[in-house]
Amino acid sequence: MLRVLIGGFMLLQHGLPKLASFSKSFHSFSDPLGVGSEISYLLAVFAEFVCSILVMIGLFTRFAVIPLIITMLVAAFIIHGDDPFSKKEFALIYAIPFIALFFTGAGDYSIDNRLANR
């Protein structure tokens, strides 16, 4: 449940909107890591769209949550670094389940589990 819900929320609320506004936002996205706005945008779309789908289906889950964790920690501590905690809180609320999934894995009802039991 955790994997499907948190991945679905990230996909629907962040990944799909970023993908839908790709042509508009590609060149004007913030560049918190100094790699260029285009690369930053591609990394965010990869994490929030592609990795969210992988988390939802339980495929390469421990690897897929790493970009999501990094994206959420960058949002919390770099993008909202000077903001009050209430602005950081939302990104941290997303980061916590992804961190939990990193340590626990995808669970019994996942492709990862099926592949491990072959």
Foldseek 3Di string as FASTA:
>chain_A
DLLQVLLVCLQVVPQVVLVVCVVVQQQPADDQPPPHSNVVSVLSNCLSHVLSVCSNQQHPLLVSLVSLLVVLCCCQCRVCVVPDNVSSVVSVVSNVSSVVCNVPGNDCRHVVNVVVVD
